[in-house]
Amino acid sequence: QSDFTPLYVPLIAVNAVLMPPTSTALVTLLVGIVYFADVFFGHSTAMTPDIAIQLALFASVAAVTAYFASRVSVMGAEREALAGELRQVRLEAADVLRNIPTGVVTVDADGRLLYCNPAAEQILGFREREWRSRPIMPEFARIAPEFWAAVTATARRGVRAMRVEATVRRPDRTFLIGVTTTTLEIAPDVTPRVTAIFTDISDSKRLEELHLRAERLEAVAELSSSLAHEIKNPLASIRSSVEQLARTKRANPDDKFLGGLIVRESDRLSRLLSEFLDFSRVRVTECRPLDLHEVARAAIRLVHQHSDCPADAQIELHGEATPMEGDEDLLHRVVSNLVLNAVQAAGPGARVTVRTGRPAPHELPGGAGIDHAVSLRVTDNGPGIPETVRARLFEPFVTGRTGGTGLGLAIVQRAVDAHRGLVLVDTATGRGTTFIVYFPAARRKEEAA
């Protein structure tokens, strides 16, 4: 009958919100039991319709408020769980972007840098903190014009680039990257952002060129073997006939001179054909365990005795025992050809360093596919390889030295290919040349079978 009875409604609602649903139901039940017990024993006024309506109202307020409070609590817990999952996804995504070797760059419609991962910094050669929220497109145009063009086309016309090749020109080196671009739509009324994903493809391009070079050499070897046999036999007959004609009594001095010239040139062609046959016959015939370091030592001793080796040439061998499986004869030819080529290129005062060992994993070009590799390095102090012959260095009859046949490095390439290896060259005018050869330490099971 009190005028303050309506105040029980907000009080009940507040307690229903603050207390768990189970506790609210339990308190309501206990209060009801106490009230009805009090009425039963005659201590309170008997229940009237008005009191019953008030109690029903209070119970309804408590039940409805408790229900909505529980739903809000569940939604809050779900929201916290979702926020936790989102934070975890962000951390994982950030960790992936920090550690992948692929560069990722995001710019807005005005060309301002929004994001750049460490790989992109390393590939393009700039720091994100220096360009964050600043227009970076002019820098892209300077470093890699094709990269800038791909990003610009995506930003202005929505044209997505798929594996576009771009040349990156940095002060320390120039190399190729593969670029893919896409757009990120944040909201319908917001201009899409452009994300470029790119990676250094110089290693894969180099390996592709090496595979093509090996295929060309194989084709040349097959053709040269047939031609050498077809030419060598008639050449021997011509030489023999000329010798006999020069010895006849009717031969005058001019005939003898011309006969001697033909014989000498025939001998030179015969030697060249023999080298060509050697080139075509490069095969692994006997593969066994050996020490590449000792093979290099024996080859160096042989080069010291060669007529083309300068008397003051210094050839140093470094490294340690390098066990591997291979054809000792072919490996000996690889080392001797590379070392002889080095001392011939360097000339008087030649300084050649030969090193064998096991390369670190990061030294191998990506995608080389050589497991447990061993390496051979031959470095000289010569003038470097002329740019005119660098692209065709390992092809037959290509040489930068006067009087050279151009078959030495072709034989090296064939012998390395026969061992499933890889040969690279690092050269620059005026600073010498380094040949780097990688061999698998053991033969594959299918090759050994």
Protein backbone atom coordinates (compact mmCIF):
# COMPACT_ATOMS: atom_id res chain seq x y z
CA GLN A 1 0.00 0.00 0.00
CA SER A 2 3.07 2.26 0.02
CA ASP A 3 3.61 5.05 -2.51
CA PHE A 4 7.23 3.88 -2.90
CA THR A 5 6.27 0.46 -4.20
CA PRO A 6 7.10 1.40 -7.87
CA LEU A 7 10.71 2.03 -6.81
CA TYR A 8 11.10 -1.72 -6.39
CA VAL A 9 10.98 -2.08 -10.21
CA PRO A 10 14.31 -0.32 -11.01
CA LEU A 11 15.86 -1.86 -7.90
CA ILE A 12 14.90 -5.35 -9.08
CA ALA A 13 16.09 -4.56 -12.63
CA VAL A 14 19.48 -3.32 -11.42
CA ASN A 15 20.01 -6.38 -9.25
CA ALA A 16 18.94 -8.68 -12.10
CA VAL A 17 21.57 -7.05 -14.31
CA LEU A 18 24.31 -7.21 -11.68
CA MET A 19 23.58 -10.74 -10.48
CA PRO A 20 23.93 -13.90 -12.57
CA PRO A 21 20.61 -15.37 -13.82
CA THR A 22 20.88 -18.38 -11.51
CA SER A 23 21.41 -16.17 -8.47
CA THR A 24 18.47 -13.93 -9.49
CA ALA A 25 16.13 -16.94 -9.75
CA LEU A 26 17.36 -18.32 -6.43
CA VAL A 27 16.85 -15.00 -4.58
CA THR A 28 13.36 -14.61 -6.11
CA LEU A 29 12.45 -18.13 -4.98
CA LEU A 30 13.73 -17.56 -1.44
CA VAL A 31 11.88 -14.23 -1.11
CA GLY A 32 8.66 -15.90 -2.30
CA ILE A 33 9.06 -18.74 0.21
CA VAL A 34 9.67 -16.31 3.07
CA TYR A 35 6.68 -14.16 2.08
CA PHE A 36 4.24 -17.07 1.78
CA ALA A 37 5.52 -18.55 5.05
CA ASP A 38 4.89 -15.22 6.76
CA VAL A 39 1.36 -15.11 5.36
CA PHE A 40 0.74 -18.73 6.31
CA PHE A 41 1.66 -18.15 9.95
CA GLY A 42 -0.49 -15.04 10.08
CA HIS A 43 2.23 -12.47 10.55
CA SER A 44 1.44 -10.60 7.32
CA THR A 45 -1.67 -9.39 5.59
CA ALA A 46 -3.33 -11.97 3.43
CA MET A 47 -2.55 -11.70 -0.28
CA THR A 48 -4.92 -9.48 -2.19
CA PRO A 49 -5.29 -9.19 -5.99
CA ASP A 50 -3.29 -5.94 -5.95
CA ILE A 51 -0.43 -7.57 -4.08
CA ALA A 52 -0.51 -10.57 -6.45
CA ILE A 53 -0.28 -8.24 -9.48
CA GLN A 54 2.66 -6.39 -7.92
CA LEU A 55 4.50 -9.63 -7.19
CA ALA A 56 3.85 -10.89 -10.73
CA LEU A 57 5.16 -7.58 -12.10
CA PHE A 58 8.29 -7.77 -9.94
CA ALA A 59 8.92 -11.37 -11.04
CA SER A 60 8.40 -10.47 -14.69
CA VAL A 61 10.81 -7.52 -14.46
CA ALA A 62 13.39 -9.76 -12.81
CA ALA A 63 12.99 -12.53 -15.42
CA VAL A 64 13.04 -10.25 -18.48
CA THR A 65 15.94 -8.18 -17.19
CA ALA A 66 17.91 -11.31 -16.25
CA TYR A 67 17.31 -12.77 -19.73
CA PHE A 68 18.52 -9.69 -21.57
CA ALA A 69 21.43 -9.31 -19.15
CA SER A 70 22.50 -12.90 -19.86
CA ARG A 71 22.25 -12.30 -23.63
CA VAL A 72 24.35 -9.15 -23.33
CA SER A 73 26.87 -11.08 -21.25
CA VAL A 74 27.06 -13.87 -23.85
CA MET A 75 27.44 -11.36 -26.66
CA GLY A 76 30.18 -9.61 -24.71
CA ALA A 77 32.03 -12.89 -24.21
CA GLU A 78 31.67 -13.70 -27.91
CA ARG A 79 32.90 -10.22 -28.79
CA GLU A 80 35.95 -10.66 -26.56
CA ALA A 81 36.66 -14.07 -28.09
CA LEU A 82 36.29 -12.63 -31.59
CA ALA A 83 38.55 -9.70 -30.70
CA GLY A 84 41.12 -12.15 -29.33
CA GLU A 85 41.00 -14.21 -32.52
CA LEU A 86 41.31 -11.05 -34.60
CA ARG A 87 44.34 -9.95 -32.59
CA GLN A 88 45.89 -13.41 -33.07
CA VAL A 89 45.22 -13.30 -36.82
CA ARG A 90 46.77 -9.83 -37.03
CA LEU A 91 49.83 -10.97 -35.11
CA GLU A 92 50.22 -14.05 -37.30
CA ALA A 93 49.71 -12.03 -40.49
CA ALA A 94 52.21 -9.41 -39.33
CA ASP A 95 54.69 -12.14 -38.43
CA VAL A 96 54.26 -13.78 -41.84
CA LEU A 97 54.69 -10.47 -43.67
CA ARG A 98 57.80 -9.69 -41.63
CA ASN A 99 59.47 -13.01 -42.44
CA ILE A 100 58.46 -13.91 -45.99
CA PRO A 101 61.05 -13.26 -48.73
CA THR A 102 58.35 -11.66 -50.90
CA GLY A 103 58.03 -7.88 -50.89
CA VAL A 104 54.63 -6.32 -50.11
CA VAL A 105 53.92 -2.60 -50.63
CA THR A 106 50.60 -0.75 -50.22
CA VAL A 107 49.97 2.80 -51.45
CA ASP A 108 46.84 4.96 -51.45
CA ALA A 109 45.25 6.73 -54.41
CA ASP A 110 47.64 9.67 -53.98
CA GLY A 111 50.70 7.45 -54.09
CA ARG A 112 51.50 7.74 -50.38
CA LEU A 113 53.16 4.74 -48.77
CA LEU A 114 50.87 2.98 -46.30
CA TYR A 115 52.73 -0.27 -45.71
CA CYS A 116 56.02 -1.88 -46.63
CA ASN A 117 57.39 -5.16 -45.22
CA PRO A 118 61.11 -5.83 -44.55
CA ALA A 119 61.53 -7.89 -47.73
CA ALA A 120 60.29 -4.96 -49.82
CA GLU A 121 62.75 -2.66 -48.05
CA GLN A 122 65.59 -5.04 -48.83
CA ILE A 123 64.61 -5.56 -52.47
CA LEU A 124 63.89 -1.92 -53.35
CA GLY A 125 66.55 -0.45 -51.08
CA PHE A 126 64.63 2.09 -48.96
CA ARG A 127 63.34 2.36 -45.39
CA GLU A 128 59.62 2.43 -44.58
CA ARG A 129 60.06 4.87 -41.69
CA GLU A 130 61.52 7.42 -44.11
CA TRP A 131 58.60 7.19 -46.55
CA ARG A 132 55.60 6.33 -44.37
CA SER A 133 52.57 8.47 -45.42
CA ARG A 134 54.72 10.29 -47.99
CA PRO A 135 54.37 10.21 -51.81
CA ILE A 136 56.70 7.41 -52.91
CA MET A 137 55.74 6.96 -56.57
CA PRO A 138 58.61 9.20 -57.85
CA GLU A 139 61.04 6.97 -55.93
CA PHE A 140 59.49 3.88 -57.55
CA ALA A 141 59.86 5.51 -60.97
CA ARG A 142 63.55 6.14 -60.27
CA ILE A 143 64.36 2.68 -58.88
CA ALA A 144 62.17 0.50 -61.13
CA PRO A 145 60.21 2.20 -63.94
CA GLU A 146 58.29 -0.96 -64.89
CA PHE A 147 57.27 -1.46 -61.24
CA TRP A 148 56.04 2.15 -61.09
CA ALA A 149 54.08 1.66 -64.33
CA ALA A 150 52.34 -1.47 -63.00
CA VAL A 151 51.31 0.21 -59.72
CA THR A 152 50.18 3.36 -61.55
CA ALA A 153 48.05 1.39 -64.03
CA THR A 154 46.33 -0.42 -61.17
CA ALA A 155 45.73 2.79 -59.20
CA ARG A 156 44.37 4.83 -62.12
CA ARG A 157 42.58 2.30 -64.32
CA GLY A 158 42.17 -0.73 -62.07
CA VAL A 159 44.33 -2.83 -64.41
CA ARG A 160 45.87 -5.56 -62.30
CA ALA A 161 49.36 -6.75 -63.18
CA MET A 162 50.08 -10.47 -63.18
CA ARG A 163 53.73 -11.49 -62.87
CA VAL A 164 55.09 -8.46 -64.72
CA GLU A 165 58.88 -8.38 -64.91
CA ALA A 166 60.55 -5.18 -63.71
CA THR A 167 64.20 -4.21 -63.55
CA VAL A 168 65.40 -2.78 -60.23
CA ARG A 169 68.42 -0.52 -60.56
CA ARG A 170 70.26 0.03 -57.30
CA PRO A 171 73.74 1.46 -56.75
CA ASP A 172 75.09 -1.95 -55.74
CA ARG A 173 73.39 -4.14 -58.36
CA THR A 174 70.72 -4.46 -61.04
CA PHE A 175 68.26 -7.37 -61.03
CA LEU A 176 64.79 -8.53 -62.08
CA ILE A 177 61.65 -8.81 -59.95
CA GLY A 178 58.27 -10.36 -60.72
CA VAL A 179 55.37 -8.03 -59.81
CA THR A 180 51.68 -8.73 -59.17
CA THR A 181 49.30 -5.91 -58.19
CA THR A 182 45.80 -5.85 -56.74
CA THR A 183 43.36 -3.38 -55.19
CA LEU A 184 42.05 -3.28 -51.63
CA GLU A 185 38.57 -1.79 -51.15
CA ILE A 186 38.16 -0.40 -47.62
CA ALA A 187 34.66 1.07 -48.07
CA PRO A 188 32.34 1.88 -51.00
CA ASP A 189 33.01 5.63 -50.72
CA VAL A 190 36.79 5.26 -50.19
CA THR A 191 39.21 5.13 -53.13
CA PRO A 192 40.75 1.63 -53.28
CA ARG A 193 44.32 1.16 -52.18
CA VAL A 194 46.88 -0.62 -54.35
CA THR A 195 49.01 -3.48 -53.06
CA ALA A 196 52.01 -4.74 -55.01
CA ILE A 197 53.49 -8.17 -54.30
CA PHE A 198 56.91 -8.86 -55.79
CA THR A 199 59.95 -11.08 -55.45
CA ASP A 200 63.52 -11.22 -56.71
CA ILE A 201 63.51 -13.56 -59.72
CA SER A 202 67.14 -13.08 -60.72
CA ASP A 203 68.10 -16.53 -59.38
CA SER A 204 65.27 -18.26 -61.22
CA LYS A 205 66.13 -16.37 -64.41
CA ARG A 206 69.77 -17.34 -64.04
CA LEU A 207 68.85 -21.00 -63.51
CA GLU A 208 66.54 -20.87 -66.52
CA GLU A 209 69.39 -19.52 -68.64
CA LEU A 210 71.70 -22.23 -67.30
CA HIS A 211 69.21 -24.97 -68.21
CA LEU A 212 68.80 -23.52 -71.70
CA ARG A 213 72.57 -23.32 -72.04
CA ALA A 214 72.94 -26.96 -71.02
CA GLU A 215 70.30 -27.99 -73.57
CA ARG A 216 72.07 -26.04 -76.32
CA LEU A 217 75.41 -27.62 -75.44
CA GLU A 218 73.87 -31.08 -75.50
CA ALA A 219 72.48 -30.45 -78.97
CA VAL A 220 75.81 -29.06 -80.18
CA ALA A 221 77.65 -32.05 -78.69
CA GLU A 222 75.46 -34.53 -80.55
CA LEU A 223 75.93 -32.68 -83.83
CA SER A 224 79.66 -32.14 -83.33
CA SER A 225 80.28 -35.83 -82.65
CA SER A 226 78.84 -36.77 -86.04
CA LEU A 227 80.58 -33.95 -87.89
CA ALA A 228 83.95 -34.58 -86.25
CA HIS A 229 83.93 -38.21 -87.35
CA GLU A 230 82.84 -37.28 -90.86
CA ILE A 231 85.60 -34.65 -91.17
CA LYS A 232 88.46 -36.38 -89.37
CA ASN A 233 88.72 -39.43 -91.62
CA PRO A 234 88.83 -37.50 -94.95
CA LEU A 235 91.23 -35.02 -93.35
CA ALA A 236 93.63 -37.84 -92.47
CA SER A 237 93.47 -39.08 -96.06
CA ILE A 238 94.15 -35.59 -97.42
CA ARG A 239 97.13 -35.17 -95.08
CA SER A 240 98.61 -38.51 -96.08
CA SER A 241 98.16 -37.80 -99.80
CA VAL A 242 99.79 -34.37 -99.56
CA GLU A 243 102.75 -35.83 -97.67
CA GLN A 244 103.27 -38.42 -100.40
CA LEU A 245 103.02 -35.81 -103.17
CA ALA A 246 105.54 -33.56 -101.42
CA ARG A 247 108.04 -36.45 -101.28
CA THR A 248 107.97 -37.24 -105.00
CA LYS A 249 111.00 -36.40 -107.13
CA ARG A 250 108.95 -34.12 -109.34
CA ALA A 251 107.95 -31.89 -106.39
CA ASN A 252 109.63 -28.47 -106.60
CA PRO A 253 110.37 -26.25 -103.54
CA ASP A 254 107.06 -24.44 -103.90
CA ASP A 255 105.17 -27.73 -103.92
CA LYS A 256 107.03 -28.88 -100.81
CA PHE A 257 106.33 -25.57 -99.05
CA LEU A 258 102.62 -25.75 -99.85
CA GLY A 259 102.57 -29.42 -98.88
CA GLY A 260 104.13 -28.64 -95.51
CA LEU A 261 101.62 -25.84 -94.97
CA ILE A 262 98.72 -28.20 -95.70
CA VAL A 263 100.16 -30.82 -93.34
CA ARG A 264 100.57 -28.31 -90.51
CA GLU A 265 97.06 -26.94 -90.94
CA SER A 266 95.71 -30.48 -91.16
CA ASP A 267 97.41 -31.30 -87.86
CA ARG A 268 95.91 -28.19 -86.30
CA LEU A 269 92.44 -29.11 -87.54
CA SER A 270 92.96 -32.67 -86.32
CA ARG A 271 93.81 -31.42 -82.83
CA LEU A 272 90.76 -29.18 -82.91
CA LEU A 273 88.57 -32.08 -83.98
CA SER A 274 90.02 -34.21 -81.18
CA GLU A 275 89.08 -31.51 -78.68
CA PHE A 276 85.65 -31.32 -80.23
CA LEU A 277 85.27 -35.08 -79.83
CA ASP A 278 86.36 -34.76 -76.21
CA PHE A 279 83.68 -32.11 -75.76
CA SER A 280 81.00 -34.38 -77.25
CA ARG A 281 82.07 -37.42 -75.19
CA VAL A 282 81.82 -35.81 -71.76
CA ARG A 283 79.96 -38.40 -69.68
CA VAL A 284 80.10 -39.71 -66.12
CA THR A 285 81.51 -43.20 -66.67
CA GLU A 286 82.79 -44.12 -63.21
CA CYS A 287 81.26 -42.48 -60.17
CA ARG A 288 82.90 -43.22 -56.84
CA PRO A 289 83.66 -41.51 -53.49
CA LEU A 290 86.55 -39.04 -53.71
CA ASP A 291 87.99 -35.89 -52.16
CA LEU A 292 87.46 -32.80 -54.32
CA HIS A 293 90.23 -31.03 -52.43
CA GLU A 294 92.78 -33.67 -53.46
CA VAL A 295 91.50 -33.64 -57.04
CA ALA A 296 92.09 -29.88 -57.10
CA ARG A 297 95.59 -30.35 -55.68
CA ALA A 298 96.51 -32.81 -58.46
CA ALA A 299 95.03 -30.55 -61.15
CA ILE A 300 97.02 -27.56 -59.87
CA ARG A 301 100.26 -29.55 -60.07
CA LEU A 302 99.44 -30.40 -63.69
CA VAL A 303 98.68 -26.77 -64.60
CA HIS A 304 102.04 -25.67 -63.16
CA GLN A 305 103.70 -27.89 -65.80
CA HIS A 306 101.63 -26.54 -68.69
CA SER A 307 103.44 -24.53 -71.34
CA ASP A 308 100.88 -21.69 -71.12
CA CYS A 309 101.35 -21.26 -67.36
CA PRO A 310 103.53 -18.19 -66.61
CA ALA A 311 106.69 -18.98 -64.66
CA ASP A 312 105.78 -16.49 -61.93
CA ALA A 313 102.16 -17.62 -61.59
CA GLN A 314 101.04 -18.29 -58.01
CA ILE A 315 98.24 -20.80 -57.53
CA GLU A 316 97.03 -21.23 -53.95
CA LEU A 317 94.74 -24.00 -52.70
CA HIS A 318 92.54 -23.31 -49.68
CA GLY A 319 89.78 -25.16 -47.92
CA GLU A 320 89.56 -28.59 -46.39
CA ALA A 321 88.78 -32.18 -47.25
CA THR A 322 85.64 -32.13 -49.41
CA PRO A 323 84.19 -35.64 -49.83
CA MET A 324 81.75 -36.22 -52.67
CA GLU A 325 80.77 -38.80 -55.27
CA GLY A 326 81.80 -38.17 -58.85
CA ASP A 327 83.87 -39.09 -61.89
CA GLU A 328 87.45 -38.25 -60.91
CA ASP A 329 88.61 -37.79 -64.51
CA LEU A 330 85.83 -35.33 -65.32
CA LEU A 331 86.33 -33.40 -62.08
CA HIS A 332 90.07 -33.23 -62.77
CA ARG A 333 89.30 -31.73 -66.19
CA VAL A 334 86.93 -29.19 -64.61
CA VAL A 335 89.54 -27.95 -62.14
CA SER A 336 92.45 -27.99 -64.60
CA ASN A 337 90.47 -26.15 -67.29
CA LEU A 338 89.28 -23.48 -64.85
CA VAL A 339 92.73 -22.97 -63.30
CA LEU A 340 94.51 -22.95 -66.68
CA ASN A 341 91.93 -20.52 -68.01
CA ALA A 342 92.56 -18.30 -64.96
CA VAL A 343 96.36 -18.17 -65.31
CA GLN A 344 96.08 -17.59 -69.06
CA ALA A 345 93.63 -14.73 -68.52
CA ALA A 346 95.73 -13.13 -65.77
CA GLY A 347 99.00 -13.45 -67.71
CA PRO A 348 102.40 -12.65 -66.12
CA GLY A 349 102.10 -12.15 -62.37
CA ALA A 350 98.97 -14.29 -62.22
CA ARG A 351 97.50 -14.87 -58.76
CA VAL A 352 94.93 -17.65 -58.68
CA THR A 353 93.09 -18.89 -55.59
CA VAL A 354 91.32 -22.25 -55.55
CA ARG A 355 89.00 -23.06 -52.66
CA THR A 356 86.93 -26.16 -51.92
CA GLY A 357 84.39 -26.71 -49.17
CA ARG A 358 80.72 -26.79 -48.29
CA PRO A 359 78.71 -23.64 -49.09
CA ALA A 360 76.27 -22.09 -46.65
CA PRO A 361 72.61 -22.69 -47.61
CA HIS A 362 72.05 -19.02 -48.50
CA GLU A 363 74.95 -19.07 -51.00
CA LEU A 364 73.13 -21.43 -53.37
CA PRO A 365 70.81 -19.77 -55.89
CA GLY A 366 67.14 -20.29 -55.09
CA GLY A 367 65.72 -23.30 -56.89
CA ALA A 368 69.13 -24.83 -57.61
CA GLY A 369 67.88 -28.19 -56.35
CA ILE A 370 71.30 -29.36 -55.11
CA ASP A 371 71.14 -31.24 -51.81
CA HIS A 372 74.19 -31.30 -49.51
CA ALA A 373 76.26 -29.32 -52.00
CA VAL A 374 80.04 -28.97 -52.18
CA SER A 375 81.67 -26.03 -53.91
CA LEU A 376 84.75 -25.18 -55.94
CA ARG A 377 85.85 -21.56 -56.38
CA VAL A 378 88.56 -20.38 -58.76
CA THR A 379 89.47 -16.69 -58.51
CA ASP A 380 92.05 -14.81 -60.57
CA ASN A 381 93.46 -11.29 -60.62
CA GLY A 382 93.07 -10.86 -64.36
CA PRO A 383 91.38 -8.05 -66.29
CA GLY A 384 87.96 -9.68 -66.19
CA ILE A 385 85.94 -11.20 -69.01
CA PRO A 386 85.04 -8.82 -71.88
CA GLU A 387 81.37 -7.92 -71.99
CA THR A 388 81.20 -9.02 -75.63
CA VAL A 389 81.68 -12.69 -74.68
CA ARG A 390 80.05 -12.91 -71.23
CA ALA A 391 76.61 -13.96 -72.47
CA ARG A 392 78.11 -16.74 -74.66
CA LEU A 393 81.02 -17.63 -72.40
CA PHE A 394 80.31 -21.38 -72.17
CA GLU A 395 79.47 -21.90 -75.83
CA PRO A 396 81.97 -23.76 -78.07
CA PHE A 397 84.52 -21.63 -79.95
CA VAL A 398 83.75 -18.53 -77.86
CA THR A 399 86.90 -17.12 -76.27
CA GLY A 400 88.22 -13.76 -75.16
CA ARG A 401 91.86 -14.86 -75.53
CA THR A 402 93.90 -14.76 -78.71
CA GLY A 403 94.74 -18.28 -79.84
CA GLY A 404 92.16 -19.99 -77.64
CA THR A 405 89.86 -22.67 -79.04
CA GLY A 406 86.93 -21.74 -76.83
CA LEU A 407 86.27 -25.37 -75.86
CA GLY A 408 87.73 -25.35 -72.34
CA LEU A 409 84.76 -23.69 -70.61
CA ALA A 410 82.31 -25.60 -72.82
CA ILE A 411 83.85 -28.84 -71.54
CA VAL A 412 83.62 -27.50 -67.96
CA GLN A 413 79.92 -26.78 -68.44
CA ARG A 414 79.28 -30.24 -69.88
CA ALA A 415 81.21 -31.98 -67.07
CA VAL A 416 79.36 -30.00 -64.40
CA ASP A 417 76.01 -30.77 -66.04
CA ALA A 418 76.93 -34.46 -66.13
CA HIS A 419 77.29 -34.31 -62.32
CA ARG A 420 73.93 -32.48 -61.92
CA GLY A 421 75.88 -29.44 -60.76
CA LEU A 422 75.84 -25.72 -61.40
CA VAL A 423 78.55 -23.35 -62.62
CA LEU A 424 78.33 -19.57 -62.14
CA VAL A 425 80.70 -16.75 -63.01
CA ASP A 426 81.25 -13.43 -61.27
CA THR A 427 83.35 -10.99 -63.27
CA ALA A 428 83.87 -7.29 -63.80
CA THR A 429 86.30 -5.32 -65.90
CA GLY A 430 89.48 -4.63 -63.96
CA ARG A 431 88.75 -6.73 -60.86
CA GLY A 432 89.25 -10.31 -61.98
CA THR A 433 86.94 -13.27 -62.33
CA THR A 434 85.57 -15.94 -60.01
CA PHE A 435 84.10 -19.21 -61.24
CA ILE A 436 81.85 -20.91 -58.68
CA VAL A 437 80.92 -24.56 -59.19
CA TYR A 438 78.39 -26.42 -57.02
CA PHE A 439 78.20 -30.22 -57.02
CA PRO A 440 75.82 -32.53 -55.14
CA ALA A 441 77.87 -34.40 -52.54
CA ALA A 442 76.13 -37.69 -53.38
CA ARG A 443 74.40 -39.13 -56.41
CA ARG A 444 70.66 -39.49 -56.47
CA LYS A 445 69.30 -42.97 -55.80
CA GLU A 446 67.83 -43.31 -59.28
CA GLU A 447 71.21 -42.38 -60.82
CA ALA A 448 73.12 -44.85 -58.65
CA ALA A 449 70.73 -47.69 -59.50
